[in-house]
Amino acid sequence: MIILKLVENAYKNRGGISGQREALKQKTAISIRNRMIADIKEGTILPPIVVGIVIDEVKYKKLESKEINFEELEIEKNAELLSIIDGMQRTTALMKACSENDSVGERELRVEYWISDNNNSLLYRMLVLNTGQVPWNVRRQIEVIFSGIIKEIKNKVDCIAVLQIEDSARRKKGGQYQASELVELFLAFGARTWKVNTKEKLTDEFTRHDFLQSSGEIDLIDMFCEILKCMAEIDILLDEKYKISEAKEEVEIEINQNDKFKNGKDLFASQPARIGFVAAAGEKIIGRPGEERSAEKIKCAKNDFLQTFETIKESIEEKKAEELIEYIDFSTLNQKMERRTTKVGDYERELFYEAFKVAVDEKGKMDNLGICWRTF
């Protein structure tokens, strides 16, 4: 690629503009860049690299008035005038890919040229592109494309009802979820952790890396839909079968009005429970954050996870009202909910995360779910 040779001096001089950052050297950045290098070799199309050119005032005015065209600037003869405004990390990856595979250098590269008659203008433009940006906010970025993801979820998970963000409707039965809450579930699944807080900026480099790694290795949306469908089917089944009002005459039940979980639809009405479920699924299937699994291993782990909850579904379906109440064991879960901590939300998410991991370890073959609720 001729352009890489032209900007080589600018690259060595940290882009050629004071304030431009050099190629990142953190372990996570290197890992992500290595993935980019591999993708470049496979023929991926990158966003354009933005190259700045400083020319003298006379030429700039001629170019502005169209007395001369871009080719007449003969930038190949004035490489020292070039600077990389945006794309230092991409340039690093491209140069590495070219050195490892000659065919990469023969491909076309998208480049955007910004021309000025002074360096200060280029510095301003670089600040607009980089420093002026807010820190990486996963929720904000995903919400931009999430309308498409919501549509895909609706098509693939036909048993659920998605309540849009602007809707005032509240959940009335199992299988109903707010679109904004599905964003958080998707993030927790991809990042493989319950520690996803979409109300804050997710600037932690490891969270970004884990999510990127997940989305790079598998069809993350497709797999998330499978896990969401699994959860929704149990949610709907519990709503249909676990109804305290219908069971009162068959079994003596103590009901505390302050209990969080009374009927079947209450379990996955809780966002911490949903977060715990998908986070446990993400870790069990894709692996612990930082772990790299083969596609075959991921497929086997996914099948094991789905089979676990298919076993639990069968247990729910075959039980009578009084047996189901004993099996679900909401009384134990409500006792665990009584614990008061400074971070109630975190406590509940971790509790469900650990609980569903126990269910997977036991392959769903349990006399009751009490052992899951007691594990944390």
Protein backbone atom coordinates (compact mmCIF):
# COMPACT_ATOMS: atom_id res chain seq x y z
CA MET A 1 0.00 0.00 0.00
CA ILE A 2 1.59 3.23 -1.19
CA ILE A 3 -0.18 5.27 1.47
CA LEU A 4 1.53 3.31 4.26
CA LYS A 5 4.93 4.20 2.83
CA LEU A 6 3.89 7.84 2.54
CA VAL A 7 2.79 8.11 6.16
CA GLU A 8 5.63 6.03 7.60
CA ASN A 9 7.47 9.07 8.96
CA ALA A 10 4.25 10.47 10.44
CA TYR A 11 3.54 7.11 12.06
CA LYS A 12 6.99 6.94 13.67
CA ASN A 13 6.44 10.46 14.95
CA ARG A 14 3.17 9.49 16.76
CA GLY A 15 0.98 10.58 13.88
CA GLY A 16 2.87 13.73 13.05
CA ILE A 17 0.71 15.91 15.33
CA SER A 18 1.50 16.88 18.89
CA GLY A 19 -1.07 15.27 21.15
CA GLN A 20 -1.84 12.29 18.92
CA ARG A 21 -1.52 9.02 20.83
CA GLU A 22 0.88 6.33 19.66
CA ALA A 23 -0.05 2.70 19.09
CA LEU A 24 -1.55 1.38 22.33
CA LYS A 25 0.59 -1.17 24.17
CA GLN A 26 -1.77 -2.49 26.87
CA LYS A 27 -2.29 -6.25 26.82
CA THR A 28 -5.97 -5.84 25.91
CA ALA A 29 -5.19 -3.38 23.10
CA ILE A 30 -2.60 -5.75 21.66
CA SER A 31 -5.07 -8.63 21.80
CA ILE A 32 -7.73 -6.60 19.98
CA ARG A 33 -5.17 -5.35 17.43
CA ASN A 34 -4.06 -8.93 16.75
CA ARG A 35 -7.67 -9.76 15.99
CA MET A 36 -7.79 -6.78 13.63
CA ILE A 37 -4.63 -7.99 11.87
CA ALA A 38 -6.18 -11.43 11.36
CA ASP A 39 -9.37 -9.83 9.99
CA ILE A 40 -7.36 -7.61 7.61
CA LYS A 41 -5.65 -10.69 6.18
CA GLU A 42 -9.10 -12.19 5.59
CA GLY A 43 -10.12 -9.11 3.60
CA THR A 44 -12.11 -7.02 6.07
CA ILE A 45 -12.95 -3.42 5.17
CA LEU A 46 -11.79 -0.89 7.75
CA PRO A 47 -13.13 2.61 8.36
CA PRO A 48 -11.03 5.11 6.42
CA ILE A 49 -7.76 6.33 7.86
CA VAL A 50 -7.79 10.11 8.08
CA VAL A 51 -4.59 11.71 6.75
CA GLY A 52 -3.83 15.38 7.14
CA ILE A 53 -1.84 17.36 4.60
CA VAL A 54 -0.31 20.76 5.28
CA ILE A 55 0.44 22.77 2.14
CA ASP A 56 1.53 26.36 1.63
CA GLU A 57 -1.04 29.12 1.54
CA VAL A 58 -0.69 29.74 -2.20
CA LYS A 59 -1.40 26.11 -3.12
CA TYR A 60 -4.23 25.95 -0.60
CA LYS A 61 -5.99 28.95 -2.18
CA LYS A 62 -5.53 27.47 -5.65
CA LEU A 63 -6.99 24.17 -4.49
CA GLU A 64 -9.85 25.97 -2.78
CA SER A 65 -10.65 27.90 -5.96
CA LYS A 66 -10.24 24.69 -8.02
CA GLU A 67 -7.37 26.14 -10.05
CA ILE A 68 -5.53 22.89 -9.27
CA ASN A 69 -6.80 19.45 -8.32
CA PHE A 70 -5.74 17.01 -5.62
CA GLU A 71 -3.42 15.00 -7.90
CA GLU A 72 -1.41 18.14 -8.69
CA LEU A 73 -0.39 18.42 -5.04
CA GLU A 74 1.98 15.46 -5.67
CA ILE A 75 1.83 14.34 -2.07
CA GLU A 76 4.13 11.39 -2.81
CA LYS A 77 6.93 13.93 -3.24
CA ASN A 78 6.09 15.66 0.03
CA ALA A 79 5.54 12.81 2.48
CA GLU A 80 6.92 14.95 5.31
CA LEU A 81 3.80 17.10 5.03
CA LEU A 82 1.50 14.21 5.96
CA SER A 83 0.14 13.31 9.38
CA ILE A 84 -2.22 10.66 10.68
CA ILE A 85 -5.17 12.44 12.27
CA ASP A 86 -7.29 9.40 12.98
CA GLY A 87 -6.26 5.75 12.61
CA MET A 88 -2.99 5.14 14.47
CA GLN A 89 -4.20 1.75 15.73
CA ARG A 90 -5.51 0.75 12.28
CA THR A 91 -2.23 1.85 10.69
CA THR A 92 -0.32 -0.31 13.18
CA ALA A 93 -2.48 -3.30 12.28
CA LEU A 94 -2.19 -2.64 8.54
CA MET A 95 1.59 -2.36 8.63
CA LYS A 96 1.84 -5.60 10.58
CA ALA A 97 -0.56 -7.38 8.23
CA CYS A 98 1.42 -6.19 5.19
CA SER A 99 4.65 -7.45 6.69
CA GLU A 100 3.12 -10.88 7.28
CA ASN A 101 1.16 -11.19 4.03
CA ASP A 102 2.35 -9.53 0.79
CA SER A 103 -1.10 -9.75 -0.82
CA VAL A 104 -2.49 -7.30 1.76
CA GLY A 105 -0.30 -4.56 0.33
CA GLU A 106 -1.85 -5.04 -3.10
CA ARG A 107 -5.38 -4.23 -1.95
CA GLU A 108 -7.09 -0.88 -2.08
CA LEU A 109 -7.36 1.14 1.13
CA ARG A 110 -9.93 3.78 1.97
CA VAL A 111 -8.25 7.06 2.94
CA GLU A 112 -9.79 10.41 3.78
CA TYR A 113 -7.56 13.45 3.21
CA TRP A 114 -7.94 16.63 5.20
CA ILE A 115 -6.05 19.51 3.68
CA SER A 116 -5.04 22.70 5.47
CA ASP A 117 -2.51 25.50 5.23
CA ASN A 118 -1.51 25.21 8.90
CA ASN A 119 -0.99 22.50 11.51
CA ASN A 120 -3.26 24.12 14.04
CA SER A 121 -6.33 23.36 11.91
CA LEU A 122 -5.33 19.70 11.73
CA LEU A 123 -4.77 19.60 15.48
CA TYR A 124 -8.30 20.91 16.03
CA ARG A 125 -9.74 18.32 13.68
CA MET A 126 -7.82 15.55 15.45
CA LEU A 127 -9.20 16.71 18.79
CA VAL A 128 -12.72 16.63 17.37
CA LEU A 129 -12.20 13.06 16.17
CA ASN A 130 -10.49 11.72 19.27
CA THR A 131 -10.17 13.74 22.46
CA GLY A 132 -13.56 15.33 21.92
CA GLN A 133 -15.28 11.95 22.04
CA VAL A 134 -16.94 10.74 25.26
CA PRO A 135 -15.48 7.56 26.79
CA TRP A 136 -16.74 4.30 25.30
CA ASN A 137 -20.30 3.80 26.46
CA VAL A 138 -21.46 0.31 25.50
CA ARG A 139 -25.14 0.93 26.04
CA ARG A 140 -25.16 4.12 23.98
CA GLN A 141 -23.35 2.43 21.09
CA ILE A 142 -25.48 -0.71 21.13
CA GLU A 143 -28.74 1.24 21.41
CA VAL A 144 -27.85 2.92 18.11
CA ILE A 145 -28.03 -0.47 16.37
CA PHE A 146 -30.36 -2.16 18.86
CA SER A 147 -33.51 -1.49 16.87
CA GLY A 148 -32.19 -4.04 14.39
CA ILE A 149 -31.24 -6.44 17.18
CA ILE A 150 -34.71 -6.08 18.75
CA LYS A 151 -36.24 -6.97 15.39
CA GLU A 152 -34.03 -10.06 15.17
CA ILE A 153 -34.96 -11.07 18.72
CA LYS A 154 -38.67 -10.73 17.89
CA ASN A 155 -38.22 -12.94 14.82
CA LYS A 156 -36.18 -15.63 16.56
CA VAL A 157 -37.83 -15.65 19.99
CA ASP A 158 -41.50 -15.70 19.07
CA CYS A 159 -42.64 -16.68 22.57
CA ILE A 160 -41.80 -13.28 24.08
CA ALA A 161 -43.43 -9.86 23.96
CA VAL A 162 -41.03 -6.92 23.75
CA LEU A 163 -42.24 -3.77 25.47
CA GLN A 164 -40.64 -0.78 23.76
CA ILE A 165 -38.76 1.87 25.73
CA GLU A 166 -41.43 4.49 25.03
CA ASP A 167 -44.28 2.15 26.02
CA SER A 168 -46.00 2.80 29.32
CA ALA A 169 -47.20 -0.82 29.45
CA ARG A 170 -45.89 -2.86 32.36
CA ARG A 171 -45.23 -6.58 32.51
CA LYS A 172 -48.44 -8.48 33.26
CA LYS A 173 -47.38 -12.06 32.55
CA GLY A 174 -44.38 -14.25 31.91
CA GLY A 175 -42.45 -13.66 28.70
CA GLN A 176 -42.86 -9.87 28.64
CA TYR A 177 -39.68 -7.77 28.77
CA GLN A 178 -38.77 -4.13 28.26
CA ALA A 179 -36.54 -3.51 25.24
CA SER A 180 -34.17 -1.42 27.37
CA GLU A 181 -33.75 -4.35 29.77
CA LEU A 182 -32.93 -6.68 26.89
CA VAL A 183 -30.01 -4.36 26.04
CA GLU A 184 -28.60 -5.00 29.50
CA LEU A 185 -29.17 -8.76 29.20
CA PHE A 186 -27.36 -8.82 25.87
CA LEU A 187 -24.39 -6.98 27.38
CA ALA A 188 -24.25 -9.27 30.42
CA PHE A 189 -24.31 -12.34 28.17
CA GLY A 190 -21.58 -11.05 25.86
CA ALA A 191 -19.37 -9.78 28.67
CA ARG A 192 -20.05 -12.97 30.68
CA THR A 193 -20.54 -11.11 33.91
CA TRP A 194 -23.37 -9.84 36.11
CA LYS A 195 -21.33 -6.69 36.80
CA VAL A 196 -22.81 -4.75 33.90
CA ASN A 197 -24.08 -1.33 34.85
CA THR A 198 -25.57 0.42 31.84
CA LYS A 199 -26.31 3.52 33.90
CA GLU A 200 -22.59 4.24 33.98
CA LYS A 201 -19.96 4.45 31.26
CA LEU A 202 -18.37 1.08 30.69
CA THR A 203 -14.81 2.26 30.25
CA ASP A 204 -13.20 -0.83 31.78
CA GLU A 205 -10.89 -2.19 29.09
CA PHE A 206 -11.37 -5.79 30.17
CA THR A 207 -15.16 -5.59 29.85
CA ARG A 208 -14.74 -4.15 26.36
CA HIS A 209 -12.27 -6.88 25.45
CA ASP A 210 -14.45 -9.71 26.76
CA PHE A 211 -17.50 -8.44 24.88
CA LEU A 212 -15.50 -7.95 21.67
CA GLN A 213 -13.96 -11.40 22.00
CA SER A 214 -17.41 -12.99 22.44
CA SER A 215 -18.89 -11.21 19.43
CA GLY A 216 -15.88 -12.12 17.30
CA GLU A 217 -15.85 -15.86 18.01
CA ILE A 218 -19.57 -16.66 17.62
CA ASP A 219 -22.83 -15.27 16.28
CA LEU A 220 -23.48 -13.58 19.59
CA ILE A 221 -26.99 -12.35 18.79
CA ASP A 222 -28.14 -15.74 17.54
CA MET A 223 -26.82 -17.51 20.64
CA PHE A 224 -28.29 -14.85 22.94
CA CYS A 225 -31.68 -15.48 21.32
CA GLU A 226 -31.39 -19.20 22.11
CA ILE A 227 -30.62 -18.44 25.77
CA LEU A 228 -33.36 -15.81 25.97
CA LYS A 229 -35.88 -18.27 24.53
CA CYS A 230 -34.83 -20.88 27.10
CA MET A 231 -35.34 -18.39 29.94
CA ALA A 232 -38.64 -17.10 28.52
CA GLU A 233 -40.10 -20.59 28.19
CA ILE A 234 -39.42 -21.27 31.88
CA ASP A 235 -40.79 -17.82 32.75
CA ILE A 236 -44.04 -18.48 30.86
CA LEU A 237 -44.35 -22.00 32.26
CA LEU A 238 -43.91 -20.78 35.84
CA ASP A 239 -46.52 -18.08 35.27
CA GLU A 240 -48.99 -20.67 34.00
CA LYS A 241 -48.39 -23.34 36.64
CA TYR A 242 -47.16 -21.64 39.82
CA LYS A 243 -50.15 -19.69 41.12
CA ILE A 244 -50.48 -19.39 44.88
CA SER A 245 -54.17 -18.44 44.66
CA GLU A 246 -55.02 -21.77 42.99
CA ALA A 247 -52.89 -23.84 45.36
CA LYS A 248 -54.17 -22.44 48.66
CA GLU A 249 -56.88 -25.05 49.04
CA GLU A 250 -54.51 -27.95 48.29
CA VAL A 251 -51.59 -27.04 50.54
CA GLU A 252 -51.07 -24.83 53.56
CA ILE A 253 -48.98 -21.84 52.53
CA GLU A 254 -47.65 -18.98 54.59
CA ILE A 255 -47.65 -15.80 52.56
CA ASN A 256 -45.79 -12.72 53.68
CA GLN A 257 -47.00 -9.68 51.80
CA ASN A 258 -43.43 -8.34 51.87
CA ASP A 259 -42.12 -11.40 50.02
CA LYS A 260 -40.64 -10.52 46.65
CA PHE A 261 -41.51 -13.86 45.06
CA LYS A 262 -45.07 -15.10 45.50
CA ASN A 263 -46.22 -16.36 42.09
CA GLY A 264 -44.47 -17.93 39.11
CA LYS A 265 -44.21 -14.77 37.03
CA ASP A 266 -42.31 -13.04 39.86
CA LEU A 267 -39.01 -14.90 39.34
CA PHE A 268 -38.08 -13.50 35.94
CA ALA A 269 -39.94 -10.28 36.55
CA SER A 270 -36.75 -9.54 38.47
CA GLN A 271 -33.99 -8.04 36.29
CA PRO A 272 -31.30 -9.33 38.70
CA ALA A 273 -32.65 -12.87 38.13
CA ARG A 274 -32.56 -12.38 34.36
CA ILE A 275 -29.06 -10.89 34.53
CA GLY A 276 -27.88 -13.80 36.67
CA PHE A 277 -29.34 -16.30 34.21
CA VAL A 278 -27.75 -14.87 31.04
CA ALA A 279 -24.42 -14.10 32.75
CA ALA A 280 -24.21 -17.69 34.02
CA ALA A 281 -25.09 -18.87 30.51
CA GLY A 282 -22.40 -16.67 28.96
CA GLU A 283 -19.69 -17.97 31.27
CA LYS A 284 -20.73 -21.61 31.05
CA ILE A 285 -20.98 -21.53 27.24
CA ILE A 286 -18.35 -19.06 26.01
CA GLY A 287 -16.01 -19.48 28.98
CA ARG A 288 -14.70 -17.30 31.77
CA PRO A 289 -13.67 -13.77 30.72
CA GLY A 290 -10.31 -14.02 29.02
CA GLU A 291 -10.75 -17.69 28.09
CA GLU A 292 -10.68 -18.60 24.42
CA ARG A 293 -12.72 -21.65 23.46
CA SER A 294 -13.01 -23.47 20.16
CA ALA A 295 -16.31 -23.34 18.28
CA GLU A 296 -16.83 -27.04 18.99
CA LYS A 297 -16.33 -26.60 22.74
CA ILE A 298 -18.74 -23.65 22.76
CA LYS A 299 -21.36 -25.69 20.91
CA CYS A 300 -21.08 -28.59 23.37
CA ALA A 301 -21.30 -26.22 26.36
CA LYS A 302 -24.38 -24.55 24.86
CA ASN A 303 -26.12 -27.89 24.39
CA ASP A 304 -25.30 -28.86 28.00
CA PHE A 305 -26.72 -25.56 29.28
CA LEU A 306 -29.94 -25.87 27.27
CA GLN A 307 -30.36 -29.51 28.31
CA THR A 308 -30.02 -28.50 31.98
CA PHE A 309 -32.95 -26.14 31.78
CA GLU A 310 -34.93 -28.50 29.58
CA THR A 311 -34.67 -30.94 32.51
CA ILE A 312 -35.88 -28.23 34.91
CA LYS A 313 -38.76 -27.40 32.54
CA GLU A 314 -39.81 -31.05 32.53
CA SER A 315 -39.73 -31.09 36.34
CA ILE A 316 -41.99 -28.02 36.45
CA GLU A 317 -44.42 -29.45 33.91
CA GLU A 318 -44.91 -32.80 35.65
CA LYS A 319 -45.52 -31.48 39.16
CA LYS A 320 -48.85 -30.73 40.78
CA ALA A 321 -49.44 -27.39 42.51
CA GLU A 322 -48.26 -28.41 45.97
CA GLU A 323 -45.27 -30.30 44.56
CA LEU A 324 -44.28 -27.35 42.41
CA ILE A 325 -44.33 -24.98 45.37
CA GLU A 326 -41.97 -27.29 47.23
CA TYR A 327 -39.76 -27.71 44.14
CA ILE A 328 -39.36 -23.99 43.38
CA ASP A 329 -38.83 -23.23 47.10
CA PHE A 330 -39.58 -19.52 46.99
CA SER A 331 -39.64 -19.50 50.80
CA THR A 332 -35.86 -20.08 50.89
CA LEU A 333 -35.30 -17.53 48.14
CA ASN A 334 -37.36 -14.91 49.97
CA GLN A 335 -35.31 -15.49 53.10
CA LYS A 336 -32.15 -14.82 51.10
CA MET A 337 -33.74 -11.64 49.78
CA GLU A 338 -34.19 -10.34 53.33
CA ARG A 339 -30.46 -9.79 53.66
CA ARG A 340 -29.76 -6.08 53.71
CA THR A 341 -26.62 -4.78 52.04
CA THR A 342 -25.45 -1.39 50.83
CA LYS A 343 -25.68 -2.68 47.25
CA VAL A 344 -28.87 -4.71 47.11
CA GLY A 345 -28.87 -4.90 43.31
CA ASP A 346 -25.35 -6.33 43.17
CA TYR A 347 -26.16 -8.83 45.91
CA GLU A 348 -29.24 -10.11 44.06
CA ARG A 349 -27.48 -10.35 40.70
CA GLU A 350 -24.61 -12.32 42.15
CA LEU A 351 -27.01 -14.57 44.08
CA PHE A 352 -28.89 -15.56 40.91
CA TYR A 353 -25.66 -15.82 38.92
CA GLU A 354 -24.26 -18.34 41.42
CA ALA A 355 -27.65 -20.08 41.73
CA PHE A 356 -27.99 -20.78 38.02
CA LYS A 357 -24.38 -21.94 37.84
CA VAL A 358 -25.24 -24.54 40.50
CA ALA A 359 -28.23 -25.67 38.42
CA VAL A 360 -25.89 -26.26 35.47
CA ASP A 361 -23.35 -28.11 37.64
CA GLU A 362 -26.17 -30.39 38.82
CA LYS A 363 -27.41 -30.78 35.22
CA GLY A 364 -30.88 -29.73 36.43
CA LYS A 365 -31.34 -32.99 38.34
CA MET A 366 -32.36 -31.62 41.73
CA ASP A 367 -35.12 -32.49 44.19
CA ASN A 368 -35.79 -28.76 44.52
CA LEU A 369 -34.20 -25.43 43.64
CA GLY A 370 -33.48 -24.64 47.27
CA ILE A 371 -29.91 -25.86 46.86
CA CYS A 372 -29.45 -23.18 44.18
CA TRP A 373 -30.82 -20.37 46.35
CA ARG A 374 -28.70 -21.46 49.33
CA THR A 375 -25.41 -21.57 47.46
CA PHE A 376 -24.60 -17.86 47.86
